[in-house]
N, C-alpha and C. Protein backbone atom coordinates (compact mmCIF):
# COMPACT_ATOMS: atom_id res chain seq x y z
N MET A 1 214.77 51.31 137.03
CA MET A 1 216.04 51.90 136.69
C MET A 1 217.15 50.89 136.99
N THR A 2 218.05 50.70 136.06
CA THR A 2 219.17 49.79 136.27
C THR A 2 220.44 50.60 136.47
N THR A 3 221.31 50.07 137.29
CA THR A 3 222.58 50.73 137.51
C THR A 3 223.69 49.89 136.89
N LYS A 4 224.67 50.55 136.38
CA LYS A 4 225.78 49.88 135.74
C LYS A 4 226.69 49.28 136.82
N LYS A 5 227.01 48.02 136.66
CA LYS A 5 227.89 47.36 137.61
C LYS A 5 229.33 47.71 137.29
N ARG A 6 230.12 47.81 138.34
CA ARG A 6 231.53 48.12 138.19
C ARG A 6 232.29 46.87 137.78
N ARG A 7 233.30 47.03 136.95
CA ARG A 7 234.11 45.91 136.50
C ARG A 7 235.57 46.19 136.79
N VAL A 8 236.31 45.13 137.03
CA VAL A 8 237.75 45.21 137.24
C VAL A 8 238.42 44.13 136.40
N CYS A 9 239.69 44.29 136.17
CA CYS A 9 240.47 43.27 135.47
C CYS A 9 241.33 42.54 136.49
N VAL A 10 241.46 41.24 136.33
CA VAL A 10 242.29 40.44 137.21
C VAL A 10 243.35 39.72 136.39
N THR A 11 244.50 39.52 137.04
CA THR A 11 245.58 38.76 136.43
C THR A 11 245.96 37.66 137.41
N PRO A 12 245.93 36.41 136.97
CA PRO A 12 246.30 35.32 137.88
C PRO A 12 247.80 35.31 138.13
N LEU A 13 248.19 35.07 139.39
CA LEU A 13 249.59 35.05 139.75
C LEU A 13 250.05 33.65 140.17
N SER A 14 249.27 32.96 140.96
CA SER A 14 249.66 31.64 141.46
C SER A 14 249.24 30.54 140.50
N ARG A 15 249.76 29.36 140.72
CA ARG A 15 249.39 28.20 139.90
C ARG A 15 247.89 27.91 140.03
N LYS A 16 247.38 27.99 141.26
CA LYS A 16 245.95 27.76 141.51
C LYS A 16 245.09 28.77 140.75
N ALA A 17 245.47 30.04 140.81
CA ALA A 17 244.71 31.08 140.12
C ALA A 17 244.78 30.91 138.60
N LYS A 18 245.94 30.54 138.09
CA LYS A 18 246.09 30.33 136.65
C LYS A 18 245.22 29.16 136.17
N ASN A 19 245.09 28.14 137.01
CA ASN A 19 244.22 27.01 136.70
C ASN A 19 242.77 27.46 136.65
N ARG A 20 242.33 28.22 137.67
CA ARG A 20 240.95 28.73 137.70
C ARG A 20 240.68 29.64 136.51
N PHE A 21 241.67 30.48 136.20
CA PHE A 21 241.56 31.44 135.10
C PHE A 21 241.31 30.72 133.77
N ALA A 22 242.06 29.67 133.53
CA ALA A 22 241.94 28.93 132.27
C ALA A 22 240.70 28.05 132.24
N ASN A 23 240.43 27.34 133.33
CA ASN A 23 239.38 26.33 133.32
C ASN A 23 237.99 26.83 133.73
N GLU A 24 237.93 27.79 134.63
CA GLU A 24 236.64 28.28 135.12
C GLU A 24 236.23 29.61 134.50
N MET A 25 237.22 30.44 134.15
CA MET A 25 236.93 31.80 133.69
C MET A 25 237.11 31.96 132.17
N ASP A 26 237.42 30.90 131.47
CA ASP A 26 237.64 30.95 130.02
C ASP A 26 238.68 31.98 129.61
N SER A 27 239.64 32.25 130.49
CA SER A 27 240.74 33.20 130.27
C SER A 27 240.28 34.63 130.02
N PHE A 28 239.10 35.00 130.56
CA PHE A 28 238.63 36.39 130.49
C PHE A 28 239.17 37.14 131.72
N HIS A 29 239.84 38.26 131.50
CA HIS A 29 240.41 39.04 132.60
C HIS A 29 239.36 39.88 133.32
N THR A 30 238.26 40.20 132.69
CA THR A 30 237.26 41.09 133.27
C THR A 30 236.35 40.36 134.24
N CYS A 31 236.12 40.99 135.39
CA CYS A 31 235.18 40.46 136.39
C CYS A 31 234.24 41.58 136.82
N THR A 32 233.04 41.19 137.22
CA THR A 32 232.05 42.14 137.74
C THR A 32 232.14 42.16 139.26
N VAL A 33 232.15 43.36 139.84
CA VAL A 33 232.17 43.50 141.30
C VAL A 33 230.73 43.32 141.80
N GLU A 34 230.49 42.25 142.53
CA GLU A 34 229.16 41.96 143.04
C GLU A 34 228.92 42.56 144.42
N HIS A 35 229.98 42.65 145.22
CA HIS A 35 229.84 43.13 146.59
C HIS A 35 231.20 43.60 147.10
N GLU A 36 231.19 44.57 148.01
CA GLU A 36 232.41 45.02 148.67
C GLU A 36 232.18 45.06 150.16
N LYS A 37 233.21 44.69 150.93
CA LYS A 37 233.11 44.74 152.39
C LYS A 37 234.48 45.00 152.98
N GLU A 38 234.49 45.35 154.26
CA GLU A 38 235.73 45.57 154.97
C GLU A 38 235.75 44.65 156.18
N HIS A 39 236.89 43.99 156.40
CA HIS A 39 237.04 43.07 157.54
C HIS A 39 238.43 43.27 158.12
N ASP A 40 238.49 43.61 159.39
CA ASP A 40 239.76 43.83 160.09
C ASP A 40 240.67 44.83 159.36
N GLY A 41 240.07 45.89 158.82
CA GLY A 41 240.82 46.94 158.17
C GLY A 41 241.22 46.65 156.72
N THR A 42 240.85 45.47 156.21
CA THR A 42 241.16 45.12 154.83
C THR A 42 239.88 45.15 154.01
N LYS A 43 239.92 45.81 152.87
CA LYS A 43 238.75 45.88 151.99
C LYS A 43 238.80 44.72 151.00
N PHE A 44 237.63 44.09 150.82
CA PHE A 44 237.50 42.94 149.93
C PHE A 44 236.43 43.20 148.88
N MET A 45 236.58 42.53 147.73
CA MET A 45 235.56 42.55 146.68
C MET A 45 235.15 41.11 146.41
N PHE A 46 233.85 40.92 146.17
CA PHE A 46 233.35 39.63 145.73
C PHE A 46 233.15 39.75 144.23
N LEU A 47 233.91 38.97 143.47
CA LEU A 47 233.93 39.09 142.02
C LEU A 47 233.23 37.93 141.33
N GLN A 48 232.62 38.25 140.20
CA GLN A 48 231.99 37.26 139.33
C GLN A 48 232.72 37.30 138.00
N SER A 49 233.14 36.13 137.51
CA SER A 49 233.81 36.09 136.22
C SER A 49 232.85 36.51 135.11
N LEU A 50 233.41 36.95 134.02
CA LEU A 50 232.60 37.44 132.91
C LEU A 50 231.66 36.35 132.37
N ASN A 51 232.10 35.10 132.40
CA ASN A 51 231.25 34.00 131.92
C ASN A 51 230.28 33.49 132.99
N LYS A 52 230.31 34.10 134.18
CA LYS A 52 229.41 33.80 135.30
C LYS A 52 229.56 32.37 135.84
N CYS A 53 230.74 31.80 135.67
CA CYS A 53 230.99 30.44 136.15
C CYS A 53 231.88 30.41 137.40
N TYR A 54 232.52 31.51 137.75
CA TYR A 54 233.44 31.51 138.89
C TYR A 54 233.22 32.77 139.72
N PHE A 55 233.11 32.59 141.03
CA PHE A 55 232.90 33.67 141.99
C PHE A 55 233.98 33.56 143.05
N PHE A 56 234.54 34.71 143.48
CA PHE A 56 235.58 34.64 144.51
C PHE A 56 235.75 35.98 145.22
N TRP A 57 236.18 35.88 146.51
CA TRP A 57 236.53 37.05 147.30
C TRP A 57 238.01 37.32 147.09
N VAL A 58 238.36 38.59 146.98
CA VAL A 58 239.76 38.97 146.83
C VAL A 58 239.97 40.34 147.50
N PRO A 59 241.10 40.52 148.20
CA PRO A 59 241.39 41.84 148.75
C PRO A 59 241.55 42.85 147.62
N ILE A 60 241.08 44.06 147.82
CA ILE A 60 241.14 45.09 146.79
C ILE A 60 242.58 45.35 146.35
N LYS A 61 243.52 45.26 147.27
CA LYS A 61 244.92 45.49 146.92
C LYS A 61 245.56 44.24 146.33
N GLY A 62 244.77 43.20 146.14
CA GLY A 62 245.30 41.97 145.56
C GLY A 62 245.95 41.09 146.61
N ASN A 63 246.42 39.94 146.18
CA ASN A 63 247.09 38.99 147.08
C ASN A 63 248.03 38.12 146.27
N GLU A 64 248.47 37.01 146.86
CA GLU A 64 249.43 36.15 146.16
C GLU A 64 248.81 35.40 144.99
N ASP A 65 247.46 35.35 144.93
CA ASP A 65 246.78 34.63 143.85
C ASP A 65 246.37 35.53 142.69
N TRP A 66 245.93 36.76 143.01
CA TRP A 66 245.38 37.63 141.97
C TRP A 66 245.91 39.05 142.07
N LYS A 67 246.17 39.66 140.93
CA LYS A 67 246.48 41.09 140.83
C LYS A 67 245.22 41.77 140.32
N ILE A 68 244.77 42.82 140.99
CA ILE A 68 243.54 43.54 140.63
C ILE A 68 243.90 44.86 139.96
N GLU A 69 243.27 45.12 138.82
CA GLU A 69 243.45 46.38 138.11
C GLU A 69 242.09 47.01 137.93
N LYS A 70 241.94 48.25 138.34
CA LYS A 70 240.63 48.92 138.25
C LYS A 70 240.46 49.61 136.94
């Protein structure tokens, strides 16, 4: 039995994120949620880009680099 993986959309905010978005993610906004964890009261998601070339941790509420949309 396979389970459907959850997906979220990301929007790059910083210069660094915009560079990763264009060069590593092929400008695809959709990412697959690979893992979720909580550390010091903050919830994080480990995301995989749609093209499977870029992986990154991001707080669920977003940060200065990425805006997360569920």
